Amino acid sequence: MKGIKTGAASVYPKKDRNLTRWLFVGPAMLVVLCLLVYPLGSTLLYSFTNKTLIKTTYSFKGLENYIKILSDPDFLRAFGTTLVWTFSSLLGQLLVGFTGALALNRINNRITRPIYRICMIIPWAFPSVAIALVWKWMLNGIQGYIPTMLMNLGLSDSMIQFLSDPKLVLPTLVFINIWFGAPMIMVNVYAALQTVPRDQYEAAVIDGANAWQSFIHITVPHIKVVVGLLVVLRTIWVFNNFDIIFMTTAGGPAGRTTTMPIYIYELGWTNKLVGRASAASILLLIFLIAVCLIYFAVITHWEKEDRA
């Protein structure tokens, strides 16, 4: 019959299809505007003002907040601490998570493999606040379980102050963060390993390749993009991590564990300097965007190599 066509495009007019699309996309866009665009815009605006939590009025100050932030030694120390915290935590999480995924992938027993998988993901299943409080209790320098155990075993002459010793506090927090974040890396890498064709390993064995050669030339090319995306996500997450450090040391002792999120929190809520805290937040955002652009450039290069 004339005018009748098959397919979804002929059932609904183009105008109705466009309206339907907006009806579905509209609520999501509204959420994005409320939760992302408005806070980001207000933060950018306040970073150029002298807004505080004490006064309701504020005035435009230009780049004054940025100049004060960049010349503040506490900012430079917090930024350096954040870099050490992020790099150490990310490296540890990758090593532990990657090793755990490779080990789990070699378990062939259908009964024990799910049990191991559940046990290894337990740290990631708990709220970070609860984990921080439990570790703070276990590492307490007065009656904590771990310092007491080490002293009773004769490994220490006194109660080790894991959370108050300036030399031990940051490595201790990095260890907690590795313990907390490695399961997420493990689960994602393990899922990526399931996509590697088994016949390629069999062909490599026939050609005389050893385990290391199979790993480098078969496993790594198949999962490197997934690992790259995990590095991007974990870099952003760890760099912005606030709860674990704040609930265990609150940035102490003497600012040794004050990272950028805690520095911004102290500026905005302790010192009531919303304008200066906003400027620090914008600087942090610019840095993370630059890092992510580098990451994505590397990942795009990998994808082009795979398609070539």
C-alpha atoms as a PDB file:
ATOM      1  CA  MET A   1       0.000   0.000   0.000  1.00  0.00           C
ATOM      2  CA  LYS A   2       1.295   3.469  -0.876  1.00  0.00           C
ATOM      3  CA  GLY A   3       2.930   5.422   1.933  1.00  0.00           C
ATOM      4  CA  ILE A   4       3.426   2.424   4.191  1.00  0.00           C
ATOM      5  CA  LYS A   5       7.060   1.635   5.086  1.00  0.00           C
ATOM      6  CA  THR A   6       8.633  -0.889   7.368  1.00  0.00           C
ATOM      7  CA  GLY A   7      10.881  -0.098  10.301  1.00  0.00           C
ATOM      8  CA  ALA A   8      10.657   2.066  13.418  1.00  0.00           C
ATOM      9  CA  ALA A   9      11.337   5.255  11.448  1.00  0.00           C
ATOM     10  CA  SER A  10       8.061   4.879   9.516  1.00  0.00           C
ATOM     11  CA  VAL A  11       5.904   4.090  12.572  1.00  0.00           C
ATOM     12  CA  TYR A  12       6.538   7.379  14.391  1.00  0.00           C
ATOM     13  CA  PRO A  13       6.960  10.780  12.698  1.00  0.00           C
ATOM     14  CA  LYS A  14      10.336  12.458  13.096  1.00  0.00           C
ATOM     15  CA  LYS A  15       8.862  15.162  15.341  1.00  0.00           C
ATOM     16  CA  ASP A  16       7.452  12.567  17.747  1.00  0.00           C
ATOM     17  CA  ARG A  17      10.733  10.652  17.810  1.00  0.00           C
ATOM     18  CA  ASN A  18      12.663  13.799  18.756  1.00  0.00           C
ATOM     19  CA  LEU A  19      10.130  14.567  21.510  1.00  0.00           C
ATOM     20  CA  THR A  20      10.493  11.034  22.880  1.00  0.00           C
ATOM     21  CA  ARG A  21      14.260  11.374  22.963  1.00  0.00           C
ATOM     22  CA  TRP A  22      14.060  14.591  24.948  1.00  0.00           C
ATOM     23  CA  LEU A  23      11.565  13.026  27.361  1.00  0.00           C
ATOM     24  CA  PHE A  24      14.068  10.287  28.138  1.00  0.00           C
ATOM     25  CA  VAL A  25      17.175  12.486  28.184  1.00  0.00           C
ATOM     26  CA  GLY A  26      15.566  15.450  29.937  1.00  0.00           C
ATOM     27  CA  PRO A  27      15.536  14.079  33.525  1.00  0.00           C
ATOM     28  CA  ALA A  28      19.167  12.967  33.263  1.00  0.00           C
ATOM     29  CA  MET A  29      20.205  16.369  31.913  1.00  0.00           C
ATOM     30  CA  LEU A  30      18.321  18.056  34.760  1.00  0.00           C
ATOM     31  CA  VAL A  31      20.186  15.945  37.316  1.00  0.00           C
ATOM     32  CA  VAL A  32      23.506  16.824  35.655  1.00  0.00           C
ATOM     33  CA  LEU A  33      22.643  20.523  35.713  1.00  0.00           C
ATOM     34  CA  CYS A  34      21.718  20.400  39.385  1.00  0.00           C
ATOM     35  CA  LEU A  35      24.550  18.185  40.630  1.00  0.00           C
ATOM     36  CA  LEU A  36      27.406  19.158  38.329  1.00  0.00           C
ATOM     37  CA  VAL A  37      27.005  22.344  36.333  1.00  0.00           C
ATOM     38  CA  TYR A  38      25.597  24.536  39.110  1.00  0.00           C
ATOM     39  CA  PRO A  39      28.145  23.533  41.818  1.00  0.00           C
ATOM     40  CA  LEU A  40      30.991  23.846  39.340  1.00  0.00           C
ATOM     41  CA  GLY A  41      29.783  27.239  38.144  1.00  0.00           C
ATOM     42  CA  SER A  42      29.279  28.560  41.673  1.00  0.00           C
ATOM     43  CA  THR A  43      32.718  27.286  42.735  1.00  0.00           C
ATOM     44  CA  LEU A  44      34.322  29.016  39.764  1.00  0.00           C
ATOM     45  CA  LEU A  45      32.445  32.234  40.580  1.00  0.00           C
ATOM     46  CA  TYR A  46      33.351  32.188  44.281  1.00  0.00           C
ATOM     47  CA  SER A  47      37.025  31.560  43.464  1.00  0.00           C
ATOM     48  CA  PHE A  48      37.219  35.135  42.153  1.00  0.00           C
ATOM     49  CA  THR A  49      35.568  36.647  45.237  1.00  0.00           C
ATOM     50  CA  ASN A  50      36.234  37.103  48.948  1.00  0.00           C
ATOM     51  CA  LYS A  51      33.190  35.067  49.971  1.00  0.00           C
ATOM     52  CA  THR A  52      33.239  33.614  53.494  1.00  0.00           C
ATOM     53  CA  LEU A  53      30.849  31.635  55.674  1.00  0.00           C
ATOM     54  CA  ILE A  54      30.643  34.538  58.106  1.00  0.00           C
ATOM     55  CA  LYS A  55      29.335  37.307  55.842  1.00  0.00           C
ATOM     56  CA  THR A  56      26.515  37.082  53.339  1.00  0.00           C
ATOM     57  CA  THR A  57      28.020  39.746  51.093  1.00  0.00           C
ATOM     58  CA  TYR A  58      31.143  39.397  48.983  1.00  0.00           C
ATOM     59  CA  SER A  59      32.998  41.306  46.280  1.00  0.00           C
ATOM     60  CA  PHE A  60      35.015  40.482  43.200  1.00  0.00           C
ATOM     61  CA  LYS A  61      38.767  40.070  43.863  1.00  0.00           C
ATOM     62  CA  GLY A  62      40.070  38.773  40.533  1.00  0.00           C
ATOM     63  CA  LEU A  63      43.021  36.390  40.803  1.00  0.00           C
ATOM     64  CA  GLU A  64      43.848  37.332  44.387  1.00  0.00           C
ATOM     65  CA  ASN A  65      42.720  33.961  45.798  1.00  0.00           C
ATOM     66  CA  TYR A  66      44.764  32.027  43.238  1.00  0.00           C
ATOM     67  CA  ILE A  67      47.874  34.086  43.987  1.00  0.00           C
ATOM     68  CA  LYS A  68      47.495  33.524  47.729  1.00  0.00           C
ATOM     69  CA  ILE A  69      46.901  29.795  47.255  1.00  0.00           C
ATOM     70  CA  LEU A  70      49.911  29.280  44.984  1.00  0.00           C
ATOM     71  CA  SER A  71      52.156  31.208  47.384  1.00  0.00           C
ATOM     72  CA  ASP A  72      50.903  29.348  50.456  1.00  0.00           C
ATOM     73  CA  PRO A  73      53.523  26.840  51.730  1.00  0.00           C
ATOM     74  CA  ASP A  74      50.733  24.725  53.236  1.00  0.00           C
ATOM     75  CA  PHE A  75      49.203  24.342  49.777  1.00  0.00           C
ATOM     76  CA  LEU A  76      52.504  23.247  48.264  1.00  0.00           C
ATOM     77  CA  ARG A  77      53.057  20.734  51.077  1.00  0.00           C
ATOM     78  CA  ALA A  78      49.510  19.393  50.765  1.00  0.00           C
ATOM     79  CA  PHE A  79      49.891  19.065  47.003  1.00  0.00           C
ATOM     80  CA  GLY A  80      53.179  17.190  47.391  1.00  0.00           C
ATOM     81  CA  THR A  81      51.655  14.892  50.015  1.00  0.00           C
ATOM     82  CA  THR A  82      48.727  14.221  47.684  1.00  0.00           C
ATOM     83  CA  LEU A  83      51.067  13.254  44.852  1.00  0.00           C
ATOM     84  CA  VAL A  84      52.938  10.805  47.100  1.00  0.00           C
ATOM     85  CA  TRP A  85      49.664   9.454  48.492  1.00  0.00           C
ATOM     86  CA  THR A  86      48.128   8.980  45.036  1.00  0.00           C
ATOM     87  CA  PHE A  87      51.166   7.467  43.319  1.00  0.00           C
ATOM     88  CA  SER A  88      51.973   5.063  46.172  1.00  0.00           C
ATOM     89  CA  SER A  89      48.371   3.965  46.649  1.00  0.00           C
ATOM     90  CA  LEU A  90      47.745   3.532  42.930  1.00  0.00           C
ATOM     91  CA  LEU A  91      50.955   1.576  42.376  1.00  0.00           C
ATOM     92  CA  GLY A  92      50.220  -0.703  45.328  1.00  0.00           C
ATOM     93  CA  GLN A  93      46.612  -1.264  44.278  1.00  0.00           C
ATOM     94  CA  LEU A  94      47.667  -2.132  40.742  1.00  0.00           C
ATOM     95  CA  LEU A  95      50.349  -4.592  41.879  1.00  0.00           C
ATOM     96  CA  VAL A  96      48.159  -6.324  44.459  1.00  0.00           C
ATOM     97  CA  GLY A  97      44.999  -6.277  42.352  1.00  0.00           C
ATOM     98  CA  PHE A  98      46.766  -7.434  39.184  1.00  0.00           C
ATOM     99  CA  THR A  99      48.563 -10.226  41.030  1.00  0.00           C
ATOM    100  CA  GLY A 100      45.339 -11.327  42.704  1.00  0.00           C
ATOM    101  CA  ALA A 101      43.482 -11.386  39.385  1.00  0.00           C
ATOM    102  CA  LEU A 102      46.209 -13.481  37.717  1.00  0.00           C
ATOM    103  CA  ALA A 103      46.247 -15.901  40.646  1.00  0.00           C
ATOM    104  CA  LEU A 104      42.455 -16.155  40.692  1.00  0.00           C
ATOM    105  CA  ASN A 105      42.404 -16.762  36.957  1.00  0.00           C
ATOM    106  CA  ARG A 106      44.616 -19.844  37.404  1.00  0.00           C
ATOM    107  CA  ILE A 107      42.197 -21.496  39.854  1.00  0.00           C
ATOM    108  CA  ASN A 108      40.186 -24.074  37.918  1.00  0.00           C
ATOM    109  CA  ASN A 109      38.142 -25.564  40.755  1.00  0.00           C
ATOM    110  CA  ARG A 110      34.519 -24.461  40.339  1.00  0.00           C
ATOM    111  CA  ILE A 111      33.865 -24.629  44.078  1.00  0.00           C
ATOM    112  CA  THR A 112      36.865 -22.811  45.515  1.00  0.00           C
ATOM    113  CA  ARG A 113      37.126 -20.095  42.845  1.00  0.00           C
ATOM    114  CA  PRO A 114      33.839 -18.333  43.822  1.00  0.00           C
ATOM    115  CA  ILE A 115      34.838 -18.595  47.492  1.00  0.00           C
ATOM    116  CA  TYR A 116      38.216 -16.948  46.848  1.00  0.00           C
ATOM    117  CA  ARG A 117      36.557 -14.291  44.703  1.00  0.00           C
ATOM    118  CA  ILE A 118      34.077 -13.405  47.450  1.00  0.00           C
ATOM    119  CA  CYS A 119      36.758 -13.328  50.158  1.00  0.00           C
ATOM    120  CA  MET A 120      39.068 -11.078  48.128  1.00  0.00           C
ATOM    121  CA  ILE A 121      36.355  -8.519  47.398  1.00  0.00           C
ATOM    122  CA  ILE A 122      35.274  -8.135  51.049  1.00  0.00           C
ATOM    123  CA  PRO A 123      37.376  -4.966  51.764  1.00  0.00           C
ATOM    124  CA  TRP A 124      35.786  -3.141  48.833  1.00  0.00           C
ATOM    125  CA  ALA A 125      32.278  -4.103  49.959  1.00  0.00           C
ATOM    126  CA  PHE A 126      32.483  -2.195  53.257  1.00  0.00           C
ATOM    127  CA  PRO A 127      31.936   1.576  53.567  1.00  0.00           C
ATOM    128  CA  SER A 128      35.210   3.459  53.664  1.00  0.00           C
ATOM    129  CA  VAL A 129      34.183   5.254  56.858  1.00  0.00           C
ATOM    130  CA  ALA A 130      33.688   1.952  58.673  1.00  0.00           C
ATOM    131  CA  ILE A 131      37.023   0.664  57.369  1.00  0.00           C
ATOM    132  CA  ALA A 132      38.802   3.829  58.540  1.00  0.00           C
ATOM    133  CA  LEU A 133      37.338   3.544  62.038  1.00  0.00           C
ATOM    134  CA  VAL A 134      38.198  -0.158  62.345  1.00  0.00           C
ATOM    135  CA  TRP A 135      41.799   0.423  61.231  1.00  0.00           C
ATOM    136  CA  LYS A 136      42.064   3.385  63.598  1.00  0.00           C
ATOM    137  CA  TRP A 137      40.977   1.128  66.458  1.00  0.00           C
ATOM    138  CA  MET A 138      43.380  -1.687  65.492  1.00  0.00           C
ATOM    139  CA  LEU A 139      46.342   0.700  65.082  1.00  0.00           C
ATOM    140  CA  ASN A 140      45.663   2.745  68.187  1.00  0.00           C
ATOM    141  CA  GLY A 141      48.958   3.492  69.929  1.00  0.00           C
ATOM    142  CA  ILE A 142      47.551   3.009  73.438  1.00  0.00           C
ATOM    143  CA  GLN A 143      45.662  -0.270  73.315  1.00  0.00           C
ATOM    144  CA  GLY A 144      45.403  -1.084  69.616  1.00  0.00           C
ATOM    145  CA  TYR A 145      45.320  -4.738  68.602  1.00  0.00           C
ATOM    146  CA  ILE A 146      48.211  -4.627  66.116  1.00  0.00           C
ATOM    147  CA  PRO A 147      50.732  -2.648  68.254  1.00  0.00           C
ATOM    148  CA  THR A 148      49.853  -4.852  71.247  1.00  0.00           C
ATOM    149  CA  MET A 149      50.332  -8.032  69.232  1.00  0.00           C
ATOM    150  CA  LEU A 150      53.697  -6.870  67.863  1.00  0.00           C
ATOM    151  CA  MET A 151      54.903  -6.044  71.375  1.00  0.00           C
ATOM    152  CA  ASN A 152      53.685  -9.371  72.811  1.00  0.00           C
ATOM    153  CA  LEU A 153      55.470 -11.262  70.030  1.00  0.00           C
ATOM    154  CA  GLY A 154      58.710  -9.479  70.871  1.00  0.00           C
ATOM    155  CA  LEU A 155      58.870  -7.660  67.522  1.00  0.00           C
ATOM    156  CA  SER A 156      58.716  -4.272  69.229  1.00  0.00           C
ATOM    157  CA  ASP A 157      59.939  -2.941  72.570  1.00  0.00           C
ATOM    158  CA  SER A 158      57.003  -0.566  72.918  1.00  0.00           C
ATOM    159  CA  MET A 159      53.635   0.274  71.388  1.00  0.00           C
ATOM    160  CA  ILE A 160      54.284   1.406  67.812  1.00  0.00           C
ATOM    161  CA  GLN A 161      52.539   4.688  67.059  1.00  0.00           C
ATOM    162  CA  PHE A 162      51.368   3.959  63.516  1.00  0.00           C
ATOM    163  CA  LEU A 163      49.022   6.947  63.338  1.00  0.00           C
ATOM    164  CA  SER A 164      51.054   9.524  65.277  1.00  0.00           C
ATOM    165  CA  ASP A 165      54.658   8.826  64.265  1.00  0.00           C
ATOM    166  CA  PRO A 166      55.523  11.310  61.448  1.00  0.00           C
ATOM    167  CA  LYS A 167      57.642   8.652  59.715  1.00  0.00           C
ATOM    168  CA  LEU A 168      55.019   5.895  59.840  1.00  0.00           C
ATOM    169  CA  VAL A 169      51.695   7.661  59.449  1.00  0.00           C
ATOM    170  CA  LEU A 170      51.667   8.219  55.671  1.00  0.00           C
ATOM    171  CA  PRO A 171      52.966   4.707  54.775  1.00  0.00           C
ATOM    172  CA  THR A 172      50.328   3.303  57.151  1.00  0.00           C
ATOM    173  CA  LEU A 173      47.529   5.198  55.415  1.00  0.00           C
ATOM    174  CA  VAL A 174      48.854   4.105  52.018  1.00  0.00           C
ATOM    175  CA  PHE A 175      48.761   0.483  53.209  1.00  0.00           C
ATOM    176  CA  ILE A 176      45.131   0.898  54.345  1.00  0.00           C
ATOM    177  CA  ASN A 177      44.185   2.439  51.015  1.00  0.00           C
ATOM    178  CA  ILE A 178      45.889  -0.376  49.095  1.00  0.00           C
ATOM    179  CA  TRP A 179      44.037  -2.950  51.192  1.00  0.00           C
ATOM    180  CA  PHE A 180      40.781  -1.105  50.501  1.00  0.00           C
ATOM    181  CA  GLY A 181      41.160  -0.403  46.769  1.00  0.00           C
ATOM    182  CA  ALA A 182      43.037  -3.439  45.426  1.00  0.00           C
ATOM    183  CA  PRO A 183      39.909  -5.682  45.265  1.00  0.00           C
ATOM    184  CA  MET A 184      38.283  -3.333  42.774  1.00  0.00           C
ATOM    185  CA  ILE A 185      41.325  -3.568  40.515  1.00  0.00           C
ATOM    186  CA  MET A 186      41.335  -7.345  40.954  1.00  0.00           C
ATOM    187  CA  VAL A 187      37.681  -7.796  39.979  1.00  0.00           C
ATOM    188  CA  ASN A 188      37.953  -5.660  36.848  1.00  0.00           C
ATOM    189  CA  VAL A 189      41.238  -7.200  35.688  1.00  0.00           C
ATOM    190  CA  TYR A 190      39.862 -10.682  36.370  1.00  0.00           C
ATOM    191  CA  ALA A 191      36.814  -9.869  34.205  1.00  0.00           C
ATOM    192  CA  ALA A 192      39.121  -8.618  31.438  1.00  0.00           C
ATOM    193  CA  LEU A 193      41.183 -11.805  31.623  1.00  0.00           C
ATOM    194  CA  GLN A 194      38.067 -13.840  30.781  1.00  0.00           C
ATOM    195  CA  THR A 195      37.948 -12.167  27.354  1.00  0.00           C
ATOM    196  CA  VAL A 196      41.423 -13.376  26.321  1.00  0.00           C
ATOM    197  CA  PRO A 197      41.011 -16.231  23.784  1.00  0.00           C
ATOM    198  CA  ARG A 198      42.344 -19.495  25.195  1.00  0.00           C
ATOM    199  CA  ASP A 199      43.380 -20.756  21.781  1.00  0.00           C
ATOM    200  CA  GLN A 200      46.047 -18.050  21.611  1.00  0.00           C
ATOM    201  CA  TYR A 201      47.693 -19.436  24.750  1.00  0.00           C
ATOM    202  CA  GLU A 202      47.566 -22.930  23.273  1.00  0.00           C
ATOM    203  CA  ALA A 203      49.144 -21.700  20.037  1.00  0.00           C
ATOM    204  CA  ALA A 204      51.866 -19.912  22.023  1.00  0.00           C
ATOM    205  CA  VAL A 205      52.706 -23.112  23.911  1.00  0.00           C
ATOM    206  CA  ILE A 206      52.961 -25.003  20.630  1.00  0.00           C
ATOM    207  CA  ASP A 207      55.318 -22.314  19.292  1.00  0.00           C
ATOM    208  CA  GLY A 208      57.530 -22.748  22.356  1.00  0.00           C
ATOM    209  CA  ALA A 209      56.622 -19.554  24.247  1.00  0.00           C
ATOM    210  CA  ASN A 210      57.097 -19.576  28.015  1.00  0.00           C
ATOM    211  CA  ALA A 211      54.681 -18.145  30.592  1.00  0.00           C
ATOM    212  CA  TRP A 212      56.321 -14.694  30.629  1.00  0.00           C
ATOM    213  CA  GLN A 213      56.249 -14.391  26.821  1.00  0.00           C
ATOM    214  CA  SER A 214      52.582 -15.422  26.761  1.00  0.00           C
ATOM    215  CA  PHE A 215      51.819 -12.810  29.395  1.00  0.00           C
ATOM    216  CA  ILE A 216      53.627 -10.001  27.554  1.00  0.00           C
ATOM    217  CA  HIS A 217      52.448 -10.776  24.022  1.00  0.00           C
ATOM    218  CA  ILE A 218      48.946 -12.147  24.672  1.00  0.00           C
ATOM    219  CA  THR A 219      47.587 -11.116  28.070  1.00  0.00           C
ATOM    220  CA  VAL A 220      48.850  -7.528  28.218  1.00  0.00           C
ATOM    221  CA  PRO A 221      47.646  -6.463  24.726  1.00  0.00           C
ATOM    222  CA  HIS A 222      44.130  -7.743  25.476  1.00  0.00           C
ATOM    223  CA  ILE A 223      43.680  -6.057  28.862  1.00  0.00           C
ATOM    224  CA  LYS A 224      45.843  -2.929  28.667  1.00  0.00           C
ATOM    225  CA  VAL A 225      42.933  -0.653  27.695  1.00  0.00           C
ATOM    226  CA  VAL A 226      40.871  -1.892  30.649  1.00  0.00           C
ATOM    227  CA  VAL A 227      43.824  -1.375  32.982  1.00  0.00           C
ATOM    228  CA  GLY A 228      44.345   2.096  31.524  1.00  0.00           C
ATOM    229  CA  LEU A 229      40.750   3.091  32.250  1.00  0.00           C
ATOM    230  CA  LEU A 230      41.092   1.690  35.766  1.00  0.00           C
ATOM    231  CA  VAL A 231      44.189   3.841  36.293  1.00  0.00           C
ATOM    232  CA  VAL A 232      42.237   6.925  35.197  1.00  0.00           C
ATOM    233  CA  LEU A 233      39.339   6.199  37.544  1.00  0.00           C
ATOM    234  CA  ARG A 234      41.508   5.250  40.493  1.00  0.00           C
ATOM    235  CA  THR A 235      43.747   8.303  40.027  1.00  0.00           C
ATOM    236  CA  ILE A 236      40.732  10.597  40.273  1.00  0.00           C
ATOM    237  CA  TRP A 237      39.271   8.647  43.190  1.00  0.00           C
ATOM    238  CA  VAL A 238      42.473   8.411  45.243  1.00  0.00           C
ATOM    239  CA  PHE A 239      43.506  12.014  44.547  1.00  0.00           C
ATOM    240  CA  ASN A 240      40.128  13.204  45.834  1.00  0.00           C
ATOM    241  CA  ASN A 241      39.961  10.722  48.710  1.00  0.00           C
ATOM    242  CA  PHE A 242      38.895  12.406  51.907  1.00  0.00           C
ATOM    243  CA  ASP A 243      37.136  10.025  54.291  1.00  0.00           C
ATOM    244  CA  ILE A 244      39.892   7.480  55.004  1.00  0.00           C
ATOM    245  CA  ILE A 245      42.492  10.101  55.922  1.00  0.00           C
ATOM    246  CA  PHE A 246      40.095  12.403  57.732  1.00  0.00           C
ATOM    247  CA  MET A 247      38.592   9.615  59.858  1.00  0.00           C
ATOM    248  CA  THR A 248      41.978   8.197  60.870  1.00  0.00           C
ATOM    249  CA  THR A 249      44.349  11.157  61.285  1.00  0.00           C
ATOM    250  CA  ALA A 250      42.378  14.276  60.194  1.00  0.00           C
ATOM    251  CA  GLY A 251      45.517  15.419  58.393  1.00  0.00           C
ATOM    252  CA  GLY A 252      47.881  15.021  61.347  1.00  0.00           C
ATOM    253  CA  PRO A 253      50.280  14.740  62.946  1.00  0.00           C
ATOM    254  CA  ALA A 254      51.509  18.281  62.243  1.00  0.00           C
ATOM    255  CA  GLY A 255      50.008  18.239  58.758  1.00  0.00           C
ATOM    256  CA  ARG A 256      51.985  15.179  57.615  1.00  0.00           C
ATOM    257  CA  THR A 257      48.871  13.599  56.074  1.00  0.00           C
ATOM    258  CA  THR A 258      47.101  16.765  54.961  1.00  0.00           C
ATOM    259  CA  THR A 259      46.166  16.124  51.339  1.00  0.00           C
ATOM    260  CA  MET A 260      44.429  18.525  48.978  1.00  0.00           C
ATOM    261  CA  PRO A 261      40.850  17.547  49.931  1.00  0.00           C
ATOM    262  CA  ILE A 262      41.612  18.033  53.622  1.00  0.00           C
ATOM    263  CA  TYR A 263      43.437  21.305  52.886  1.00  0.00           C
ATOM    264  CA  ILE A 264      40.386  22.566  50.982  1.00  0.00           C
ATOM    265  CA  TYR A 265      38.075  21.386  53.786  1.00  0.00           C
ATOM    266  CA  GLU A 266      40.092  23.275  56.388  1.00  0.00           C
ATOM    267  CA  LEU A 267      40.075  26.420  54.279  1.00  0.00           C
ATOM    268  CA  GLY A 268      36.348  26.305  53.627  1.00  0.00           C
ATOM    269  CA  TRP A 269      34.901  24.998  56.892  1.00  0.00           C
ATOM    270  CA  THR A 270      37.530  25.574  59.586  1.00  0.00           C
ATOM    271  CA  ASN A 271      38.774  28.964  58.387  1.00  0.00           C
ATOM    272  CA  LYS A 272      35.452  29.894  56.667  1.00  0.00           C
ATOM    273  CA  LEU A 273      37.331  31.100  53.547  1.00  0.00           C
ATOM    274  CA  VAL A 274      34.959  29.871  50.847  1.00  0.00           C
ATOM    275  CA  GLY A 275      36.534  31.980  48.102  1.00  0.00           C
ATOM    276  CA  ARG A 276      40.042  30.695  48.735  1.00  0.00           C
ATOM    277  CA  ALA A 277      38.808  27.104  49.123  1.00  0.00           C
ATOM    278  CA  SER A 278      36.992  27.455  45.790  1.00  0.00           C
ATOM    279  CA  ALA A 279      40.194  28.633  44.122  1.00  0.00           C
ATOM    280  CA  ALA A 280      42.067  25.611  45.483  1.00  0.00           C
ATOM    281  CA  SER A 281      39.293  23.348  44.185  1.00  0.00           C
ATOM    282  CA  ILE A 282      39.532  24.843  40.708  1.00  0.00           C
ATOM    283  CA  LEU A 283      43.305  24.364  40.684  1.00  0.00           C
ATOM    284  CA  LEU A 284      42.793  20.738  41.698  1.00  0.00           C
ATOM    285  CA  LEU A 285      40.241  20.290  38.925  1.00  0.00           C
ATOM    286  CA  ILE A 286      42.603  21.748  36.303  1.00  0.00           C
ATOM    287  CA  PHE A 287      45.402  19.426  37.412  1.00  0.00           C
ATOM    288  CA  LEU A 288      43.192  16.329  37.268  1.00  0.00           C
ATOM    289  CA  ILE A 289      41.863  17.293  33.830  1.00  0.00           C
ATOM    290  CA  ALA A 290      45.446  17.629  32.563  1.00  0.00           C
ATOM    291  CA  VAL A 291      46.368  14.225  34.013  1.00  0.00           C
ATOM    292  CA  CYS A 292      43.265  12.608  32.501  1.00  0.00           C
ATOM    293  CA  LEU A 293      44.021  14.102  29.089  1.00  0.00           C
ATOM    294  CA  ILE A 294      47.465  12.477  29.194  1.00  0.00           C
ATOM    295  CA  TYR A 295      45.929   9.166  30.236  1.00  0.00           C
ATOM    296  CA  PHE A 296      43.308   9.286  27.480  1.00  0.00           C
ATOM    297  CA  ALA A 297      45.937  10.189  24.884  1.00  0.00           C
ATOM    298  CA  VAL A 298      47.888   7.053  25.831  1.00  0.00           C
ATOM    299  CA  ILE A 299      44.727   4.887  25.794  1.00  0.00           C
ATOM    300  CA  THR A 300      43.711   6.272  22.392  1.00  0.00           C
ATOM    301  CA  HIS A 301      47.169   5.438  21.068  1.00  0.00           C
ATOM    302  CA  TRP A 302      46.778   1.865  22.350  1.00  0.00           C
ATOM    303  CA  GLU A 303      43.390   1.517  20.665  1.00  0.00           C
ATOM    304  CA  LYS A 304      44.805   2.764  17.364  1.00  0.00           C
ATOM    305  CA  GLU A 305      47.610   0.216  17.635  1.00  0.00           C
ATOM    306  CA  ASP A 306      45.070  -2.583  18.188  1.00  0.00           C
ATOM    307  CA  ARG A 307      43.037  -1.545  15.151  1.00  0.00           C
ATOM    308  CA  ALA A 308      46.130  -1.248  12.944  1.00  0.00           C
END
